[in-house]
Amino acid sequence: MVDEMKKQLGDTTPGCFIVSVGGGGLLQGMLAGMKRNGWEKVPVMAVETKGADCLSRAIDAGKPVELREITRFAHALS
């Protein structure tokens, strides 16, 4: 994915990458592609769904964690 972005952007460097995370595979692949293309210094914002926040919980715990379940949240507009 990053290789294709580099091909399309040419000499233009992205300002930031926003990556959805779950198990970390997509994020890891993005980081590897960024390194391969010389974009190691481009900021990355990893975002995850509330109720499926295994990355932030793992960071807090200092180790991998397993979620017992993925919860669903309903949001009603007021």
PDB file of N, CA and C in Angstrom:
ATOM      1  N   MET A   1       0.822  -1.178   0.000  1.00  0.00           N
ATOM      2  CA  MET A   1       0.000   0.000   0.000  1.00  0.00           C
ATOM      3  C   MET A   1       0.878   1.257   0.000  1.00  0.00           C
ATOM      4  N   VAL A   2       1.875   1.281   0.865  1.00  0.00           N
ATOM      5  CA  VAL A   2       2.761   2.454   0.941  1.00  0.00           C
ATOM      6  C   VAL A   2       3.573   2.580  -0.343  1.00  0.00           C
ATOM      7  N   ASP A   3       4.003   1.456  -0.901  1.00  0.00           N
ATOM      8  CA  ASP A   3       4.752   1.510  -2.157  1.00  0.00           C
ATOM      9  C   ASP A   3       3.920   2.167  -3.253  1.00  0.00           C
ATOM     10  N   GLU A   4       2.633   1.833  -3.298  1.00  0.00           N
ATOM     11  CA  GLU A   4       1.740   2.432  -4.294  1.00  0.00           C
ATOM     12  C   GLU A   4       1.564   3.930  -4.035  1.00  0.00           C
ATOM     13  N   MET A   5       1.455   4.324  -2.764  1.00  0.00           N
ATOM     14  CA  MET A   5       1.353   5.754  -2.446  1.00  0.00           C
ATOM     15  C   MET A   5       2.595   6.495  -2.908  1.00  0.00           C
ATOM     16  N   LYS A   6       3.767   5.917  -2.639  1.00  0.00           N
ATOM     17  CA  LYS A   6       5.029   6.530  -3.042  1.00  0.00           C
ATOM     18  C   LYS A   6       5.079   6.687  -4.554  1.00  0.00           C
ATOM     19  N   LYS A   7       4.637   5.661  -5.256  1.00  0.00           N
ATOM     20  CA  LYS A   7       4.630   5.694  -6.718  1.00  0.00           C
ATOM     21  C   LYS A   7       3.750   6.832  -7.228  1.00  0.00           C
ATOM     22  N   GLN A   8       2.589   7.006  -6.604  1.00  0.00           N
ATOM     23  CA  GLN A   8       1.659   8.044  -7.050  1.00  0.00           C
ATOM     24  C   GLN A   8       2.081   9.440  -6.608  1.00  0.00           C
ATOM     25  N   LEU A   9       2.699   9.556  -5.428  1.00  0.00           N
ATOM     26  CA  LEU A   9       3.085  10.872  -4.904  1.00  0.00           C
ATOM     27  C   LEU A   9       4.426  11.358  -5.429  1.00  0.00           C
ATOM     28  N   GLY A  10       5.250  10.454  -5.909  1.00  0.00           N
ATOM     29  CA  GLY A  10       6.562  10.853  -6.416  1.00  0.00           C
ATOM     30  C   GLY A  10       7.412  11.461  -5.309  1.00  0.00           C
ATOM     31  N   ASP A  11       7.851  12.694  -5.512  1.00  0.00           N
ATOM     32  CA  ASP A  11       8.724  13.367  -4.538  1.00  0.00           C
ATOM     33  C   ASP A  11       7.967  14.036  -3.400  1.00  0.00           C
ATOM     34  N   THR A  12       6.651  14.000  -3.418  1.00  0.00           N
ATOM     35  CA  THR A  12       5.847  14.607  -2.361  1.00  0.00           C
ATOM     36  C   THR A  12       5.808  13.680  -1.148  1.00  0.00           C
ATOM     37  N   THR A  13       6.120  14.216   0.022  1.00  0.00           N
ATOM     38  CA  THR A  13       6.079  13.439   1.259  1.00  0.00           C
ATOM     39  C   THR A  13       4.751  13.697   1.967  1.00  0.00           C
ATOM     40  N   PRO A  14       4.051  12.648   2.386  1.00  0.00           N
ATOM     41  CA  PRO A  14       2.789  12.855   3.107  1.00  0.00           C
ATOM     42  C   PRO A  14       3.033  13.582   4.430  1.00  0.00           C
ATOM     43  N   GLY A  15       2.034  14.318   4.886  1.00  0.00           N
ATOM     44  CA  GLY A  15       2.144  15.029   6.162  1.00  0.00           C
ATOM     45  C   GLY A  15       1.875  14.119   7.345  1.00  0.00           C
ATOM     46  N   CYS A  16       1.097  13.053   7.132  1.00  0.00           N
ATOM     47  CA  CYS A  16       0.711  12.163   8.223  1.00  0.00           C
ATOM     48  C   CYS A  16       0.023  10.946   7.623  1.00  0.00           C
ATOM     49  N   PHE A  17       0.109   9.824   8.328  1.00  0.00           N
ATOM     50  CA  PHE A  17      -0.677   8.649   7.987  1.00  0.00           C
ATOM     51  C   PHE A  17      -1.651   8.394   9.125  1.00  0.00           C
ATOM     52  N   ILE A  18      -2.882   8.087   8.807  1.00  0.00           N
ATOM     53  CA  ILE A  18      -3.882   7.687   9.795  1.00  0.00           C
ATOM     54  C   ILE A  18      -4.237   6.242   9.490  1.00  0.00           C
ATOM     55  N   VAL A  19      -4.005   5.364  10.466  1.00  0.00           N
ATOM     56  CA  VAL A  19      -4.157   3.934  10.245  1.00  0.00           C
ATOM     57  C   VAL A  19      -5.095   3.343  11.285  1.00  0.00           C
ATOM     58  N   SER A  20      -6.093   2.619  10.823  1.00  0.00           N
ATOM     59  CA  SER A  20      -6.981   1.894  11.724  1.00  0.00           C
ATOM     60  C   SER A  20      -6.241   0.668  12.238  1.00  0.00           C
ATOM     61  N   VAL A  21      -6.313   0.434  13.548  1.00  0.00           N
ATOM     62  CA  VAL A  21      -5.622  -0.719  14.123  1.00  0.00           C
ATOM     63  C   VAL A  21      -6.607  -1.664  14.777  1.00  0.00           C
ATOM     64  N   GLY A  22      -6.249  -2.902  14.746  1.00  0.00           N
ATOM     65  CA  GLY A  22      -6.996  -3.962  15.419  1.00  0.00           C
ATOM     66  C   GLY A  22      -5.966  -4.858  16.053  1.00  0.00           C
ATOM     67  N   GLY A  23      -5.479  -5.810  15.266  1.00  0.00           N
ATOM     68  CA  GLY A  23      -4.437  -6.702  15.757  1.00  0.00           C
ATOM     69  C   GLY A  23      -3.033  -6.177  15.540  1.00  0.00           C
ATOM     70  N   GLY A  24      -2.875  -5.134  14.740  1.00  0.00           N
ATOM     71  CA  GLY A  24      -1.565  -4.530  14.520  1.00  0.00           C
ATOM     72  C   GLY A  24      -0.911  -4.883  13.202  1.00  0.00           C
ATOM     73  N   GLY A  25      -1.500  -5.805  12.444  1.00  0.00           N
ATOM     74  CA  GLY A  25      -0.896  -6.218  11.180  1.00  0.00           C
ATOM     75  C   GLY A  25      -0.823  -5.109  10.148  1.00  0.00           C
ATOM     76  N   LEU A  26      -1.900  -4.367   9.978  1.00  0.00           N
ATOM     77  CA  LEU A  26      -1.908  -3.264   9.021  1.00  0.00           C
ATOM     78  C   LEU A  26      -0.923  -2.190   9.446  1.00  0.00           C
ATOM     79  N   LEU A  27      -0.912  -1.853  10.726  1.00  0.00           N
ATOM     80  CA  LEU A  27       0.017  -0.841  11.233  1.00  0.00           C
ATOM     81  C   LEU A  27       1.456  -1.278  10.993  1.00  0.00           C
ATOM     82  N   GLN A  28       1.779  -2.517  11.299  1.00  0.00           N
ATOM     83  CA  GLN A  28       3.141  -3.021  11.102  1.00  0.00           C
ATOM     84  C   GLN A  28       3.532  -2.966   9.631  1.00  0.00           C
ATOM     85  N   GLY A  29       2.608  -3.342   8.765  1.00  0.00           N
ATOM     86  CA  GLY A  29       2.875  -3.277   7.329  1.00  0.00           C
ATOM     87  C   GLY A  29       3.091  -1.857   6.852  1.00  0.00           C
ATOM     88  N   MET A  30       2.298  -0.934   7.360  1.00  0.00           N
ATOM     89  CA  MET A  30       2.473   0.480   7.008  1.00  0.00           C
ATOM     90  C   MET A  30       3.844   0.982   7.461  1.00  0.00           C
ATOM     91  N   LEU A  31       4.239   0.659   8.686  1.00  0.00           N
ATOM     92  CA  LEU A  31       5.536   1.100   9.201  1.00  0.00           C
ATOM     93  C   LEU A  31       6.684   0.526   8.379  1.00  0.00           C
ATOM     94  N   ALA A  32       6.573  -0.736   8.006  1.00  0.00           N
ATOM     95  CA  ALA A  32       7.614  -1.355   7.179  1.00  0.00           C
ATOM     96  C   ALA A  32       7.698  -0.672   5.814  1.00  0.00           C
ATOM     97  N   GLY A  33       6.544  -0.392   5.211  1.00  0.00           N
ATOM     98  CA  GLY A  33       6.522   0.297   3.920  1.00  0.00           C
ATOM     99  C   GLY A  33       7.049   1.715   4.011  1.00  0.00           C
ATOM    100  N   MET A  34       6.737   2.383   5.107  1.00  0.00           N
ATOM    101  CA  MET A  34       7.243   3.746   5.298  1.00  0.00           C
ATOM    102  C   MET A  34       8.768   3.736   5.398  1.00  0.00           C
ATOM    103  N   LYS A  35       9.302   2.791   6.134  1.00  0.00           N
ATOM    104  CA  LYS A  35      10.765   2.683   6.265  1.00  0.00           C
ATOM    105  C   LYS A  35      11.393   2.382   4.900  1.00  0.00           C
ATOM    106  N   ARG A  36      10.810   1.456   4.180  1.00  0.00           N
ATOM    107  CA  ARG A  36      11.327   1.060   2.870  1.00  0.00           C
ATOM    108  C   ARG A  36      11.359   2.239   1.898  1.00  0.00           C
ATOM    109  N   ASN A  37      10.418   3.174   2.056  1.00  0.00           N
ATOM    110  CA  ASN A  37      10.308   4.304   1.138  1.00  0.00           C
ATOM    111  C   ASN A  37      10.894   5.596   1.688  1.00  0.00           C
ATOM    112  N   GLY A  38      11.598   5.514   2.827  1.00  0.00           N
ATOM    113  CA  GLY A  38      12.261   6.700   3.374  1.00  0.00           C
ATOM    114  C   GLY A  38      11.328   7.673   4.068  1.00  0.00           C
ATOM    115  N   TRP A  39      10.188   7.198   4.526  1.00  0.00           N
ATOM    116  CA  TRP A  39       9.213   8.056   5.196  1.00  0.00           C
ATOM    117  C   TRP A  39       9.147   7.782   6.692  1.00  0.00           C
ATOM    118  N   GLU A  40      10.258   7.356   7.301  1.00  0.00           N
ATOM    119  CA  GLU A  40      10.257   7.004   8.723  1.00  0.00           C
ATOM    120  C   GLU A  40       9.864   8.159   9.631  1.00  0.00           C
ATOM    121  N   LYS A  41      10.098   9.383   9.181  1.00  0.00           N
ATOM    122  CA  LYS A  41       9.827  10.550  10.032  1.00  0.00           C
ATOM    123  C   LYS A  41       8.413  11.105   9.867  1.00  0.00           C
ATOM    124  N   VAL A  42       7.629  10.525   8.982  1.00  0.00           N
ATOM    125  CA  VAL A  42       6.236  10.958   8.799  1.00  0.00           C
ATOM    126  C   VAL A  42       5.427  10.470  10.000  1.00  0.00           C
ATOM    127  N   PRO A  43       4.686  11.364  10.660  1.00  0.00           N
ATOM    128  CA  PRO A  43       3.888  10.942  11.818  1.00  0.00           C
ATOM    129  C   PRO A  43       2.803   9.938  11.436  1.00  0.00           C
ATOM    130  N   VAL A  44       2.518   9.038  12.360  1.00  0.00           N
ATOM    131  CA  VAL A  44       1.460   8.044  12.176  1.00  0.00           C
ATOM    132  C   VAL A  44       0.479   8.165  13.329  1.00  0.00           C
ATOM    133  N   MET A  45      -0.790   8.258  13.009  1.00  0.00           N
ATOM    134  CA  MET A  45      -1.827   8.267  14.028  1.00  0.00           C
ATOM    135  C   MET A  45      -2.565   6.940  13.925  1.00  0.00           C
ATOM    136  N   ALA A  46      -2.441   6.130  14.970  1.00  0.00           N
ATOM    137  CA  ALA A  46      -3.143   4.846  15.011  1.00  0.00           C
ATOM    138  C   ALA A  46      -4.467   5.060  15.729  1.00  0.00           C
ATOM    139  N   VAL A  47      -5.550   4.673  15.102  1.00  0.00           N
ATOM    140  CA  VAL A  47      -6.877   4.840  15.696  1.00  0.00           C
ATOM    141  C   VAL A  47      -7.548   3.487  15.820  1.00  0.00           C
ATOM    142  N   GLU A  48      -8.330   3.346  16.869  1.00  0.00           N
ATOM    143  CA  GLU A  48      -9.051   2.097  17.067  1.00  0.00           C
ATOM    144  C   GLU A  48     -10.448   2.386  17.572  1.00  0.00           C
ATOM    145  N   THR A  49     -11.307   1.430  17.384  1.00  0.00           N
ATOM    146  CA  THR A  49     -12.695   1.555  17.768  1.00  0.00           C
ATOM    147  C   THR A  49     -12.859   1.351  19.266  1.00  0.00           C
ATOM    148  N   LYS A  50     -13.617   2.224  19.893  1.00  0.00           N
ATOM    149  CA  LYS A  50     -13.920   2.028  21.309  1.00  0.00           C
ATOM    150  C   LYS A  50     -14.661   0.698  21.449  1.00  0.00           C
ATOM    151  N   GLY A  51     -14.221  -0.109  22.393  1.00  0.00           N
ATOM    152  CA  GLY A  51     -14.801  -1.428  22.557  1.00  0.00           C
ATOM    153  C   GLY A  51     -13.971  -2.515  21.906  1.00  0.00           C
ATOM    154  N   ALA A  52     -12.997  -2.094  21.070  1.00  0.00           N
ATOM    155  CA  ALA A  52     -12.061  -3.030  20.439  1.00  0.00           C
ATOM    156  C   ALA A  52     -10.659  -2.443  20.554  1.00  0.00           C
ATOM    157  N   ASP A  53     -10.384  -1.869  21.716  1.00  0.00           N
ATOM    158  CA  ASP A  53      -9.171  -1.076  21.927  1.00  0.00           C
ATOM    159  C   ASP A  53      -8.003  -1.886  22.484  1.00  0.00           C
ATOM    160  N   CYS A  54      -7.653  -2.959  21.775  1.00  0.00           N
ATOM    161  CA  CYS A  54      -6.588  -3.836  22.275  1.00  0.00           C
ATOM    162  C   CYS A  54      -5.217  -3.170  22.214  1.00  0.00           C
ATOM    163  N   LEU A  55      -4.958  -2.298  21.243  1.00  0.00           N
ATOM    164  CA  LEU A  55      -3.651  -1.648  21.168  1.00  0.00           C
ATOM    165  C   LEU A  55      -3.432  -0.730  22.363  1.00  0.00           C
ATOM    166  N   SER A  56      -4.388   0.134  22.649  1.00  0.00           N
ATOM    167  CA  SER A  56      -4.191   1.051  23.784  1.00  0.00           C
ATOM    168  C   SER A  56      -4.115   0.298  25.103  1.00  0.00           C
ATOM    169  N   ARG A  57      -4.875  -0.785  25.227  1.00  0.00           N
ATOM    170  CA  ARG A  57      -4.800  -1.595  26.449  1.00  0.00           C
ATOM    171  C   ARG A  57      -3.444  -2.292  26.557  1.00  0.00           C
ATOM    172  N   ALA A  58      -2.912  -2.743  25.440  1.00  0.00           N
ATOM    173  CA  ALA A  58      -1.597  -3.396  25.449  1.00  0.00           C
ATOM    174  C   ALA A  58      -0.500  -2.395  25.800  1.00  0.00           C
ATOM    175  N   ILE A  59      -0.612  -1.181  25.281  1.00  0.00           N
ATOM    176  CA  ILE A  59       0.374  -0.144  25.618  1.00  0.00           C
ATOM    177  C   ILE A  59       0.314   0.145  27.109  1.00  0.00           C
ATOM    178  N   ASP A  60      -0.905   0.293  27.652  1.00  0.00           N
ATOM    179  CA  ASP A  60      -1.062   0.539  29.091  1.00  0.00           C
ATOM    180  C   ASP A  60      -0.493  -0.606  29.928  1.00  0.00           C
ATOM    181  N   ALA A  61      -0.699  -1.847  29.474  1.00  0.00           N
ATOM    182  CA  ALA A  61      -0.255  -3.022  30.225  1.00  0.00           C
ATOM    183  C   ALA A  61       1.229  -3.321  30.014  1.00  0.00           C
ATOM    184  N   GLY A  62       1.805  -2.778  28.951  1.00  0.00           N
ATOM    185  CA  GLY A  62       3.198  -3.060  28.646  1.00  0.00           C
ATOM    186  C   GLY A  62       3.427  -4.443  28.061  1.00  0.00           C
ATOM    187  N   LYS A  63       2.355  -5.064  27.567  1.00  0.00           N
ATOM    188  CA  LYS A  63       2.449  -6.400  26.977  1.00  0.00           C
ATOM    189  C   LYS A  63       1.189  -6.653  26.161  1.00  0.00           C
ATOM    190  N   PRO A  64       1.211  -7.647  25.289  1.00  0.00           N
ATOM    191  CA  PRO A  64       0.000  -7.961  24.521  1.00  0.00           C
ATOM    192  C   PRO A  64      -1.154  -8.356  25.452  1.00  0.00           C
ATOM    193  N   VAL A  65      -2.341  -7.962  25.078  1.00  0.00           N
ATOM    194  CA  VAL A  65      -3.532  -8.334  25.844  1.00  0.00           C
ATOM    195  C   VAL A  65      -4.557  -8.952  24.902  1.00  0.00           C
ATOM    196  N   GLU A  66      -5.428  -9.740  25.475  1.00  0.00           N
ATOM    197  CA  GLU A  66      -6.515 -10.330  24.705  1.00  0.00           C
ATOM    198  C   GLU A  66      -7.824  -9.792  25.255  1.00  0.00           C
ATOM    199  N   LEU A  67      -8.668  -9.301  24.381  1.00  0.00           N
ATOM    200  CA  LEU A  67      -9.970  -8.803  24.805  1.00  0.00           C
ATOM    201  C   LEU A  67     -10.922  -9.985  24.959  1.00  0.00           C
ATOM    202  N   ARG A  68     -11.691  -9.970  26.031  1.00  0.00           N
ATOM    203  CA  ARG A  68     -12.675 -11.042  26.225  1.00  0.00           C
ATOM    204  C   ARG A  68     -13.756 -10.983  25.166  1.00  0.00           C
ATOM    205  N   GLU A  69     -14.101  -9.776  24.782  1.00  0.00           N
ATOM    206  CA  GLU A  69     -15.110  -9.588  23.744  1.00  0.00           C
ATOM    207  C   GLU A  69     -14.944  -8.212  23.139  1.00  0.00           C
ATOM    208  N   ILE A  70     -15.503  -8.046  21.980  1.00  0.00           N
ATOM    209  CA  ILE A  70     -15.559  -6.730  21.352  1.00  0.00           C
ATOM    210  C   ILE A  70     -16.956  -6.215  21.595  1.00  0.00           C
ATOM    211  N   THR A  71     -17.030  -5.065  22.225  1.00  0.00           N
ATOM    212  CA  THR A  71     -18.335  -4.532  22.581  1.00  0.00           C
ATOM    213  C   THR A  71     -18.866  -3.613  21.496  1.00  0.00           C
ATOM    214  N   ARG A  72     -20.159  -3.458  21.497  1.00  0.00           N
ATOM    215  CA  ARG A  72     -20.813  -2.570  20.546  1.00  0.00           C
ATOM    216  C   ARG A  72     -21.418  -1.410  21.329  1.00  0.00           C
ATOM    217  N   PHE A  73     -21.202  -0.230  20.801  1.00  0.00           N
ATOM    218  CA  PHE A  73     -21.738   0.964  21.443  1.00  0.00           C
ATOM    219  C   PHE A  73     -22.745   1.611  20.491  1.00  0.00           C
ATOM    220  N   ALA A  74     -23.871   1.932  21.025  1.00  0.00           N
ATOM    221  CA  ALA A  74     -24.871   2.660  20.241  1.00  0.00           C
ATOM    222  C   ALA A  74     -24.768   4.131  20.586  1.00  0.00           C
ATOM    223  N   HIS A  75     -24.846   4.967  19.600  1.00  0.00           N
ATOM    224  CA  HIS A  75     -24.760   6.409  19.807  1.00  0.00           C
ATOM    225  C   HIS A  75     -26.044   7.039  19.259  1.00  0.00           C
ATOM    226  N   ALA A  76     -26.776   7.647  20.132  1.00  0.00           N
ATOM    227  CA  ALA A  76     -28.016   8.312  19.707  1.00  0.00           C
ATOM    228  C   ALA A  76     -27.758   9.803  19.572  1.00  0.00           C
ATOM    229  N   LEU A  77     -28.217  10.371  18.493  1.00  0.00           N
ATOM    230  CA  LEU A  77     -28.090  11.817  18.313  1.00  0.00           C
ATOM    231  C   LEU A  77     -29.163  12.507  19.142  1.00  0.00           C
ATOM    232  N   SER A  78     -28.761  13.513  19.853  1.00  0.00           N
ATOM    233  CA  SER A  78     -29.715  14.256  20.688  1.00  0.00           C
ATOM    234  C   SER A  78     -30.263  15.447  19.956  1.00  0.00           C
TER     235      SER A  78
END
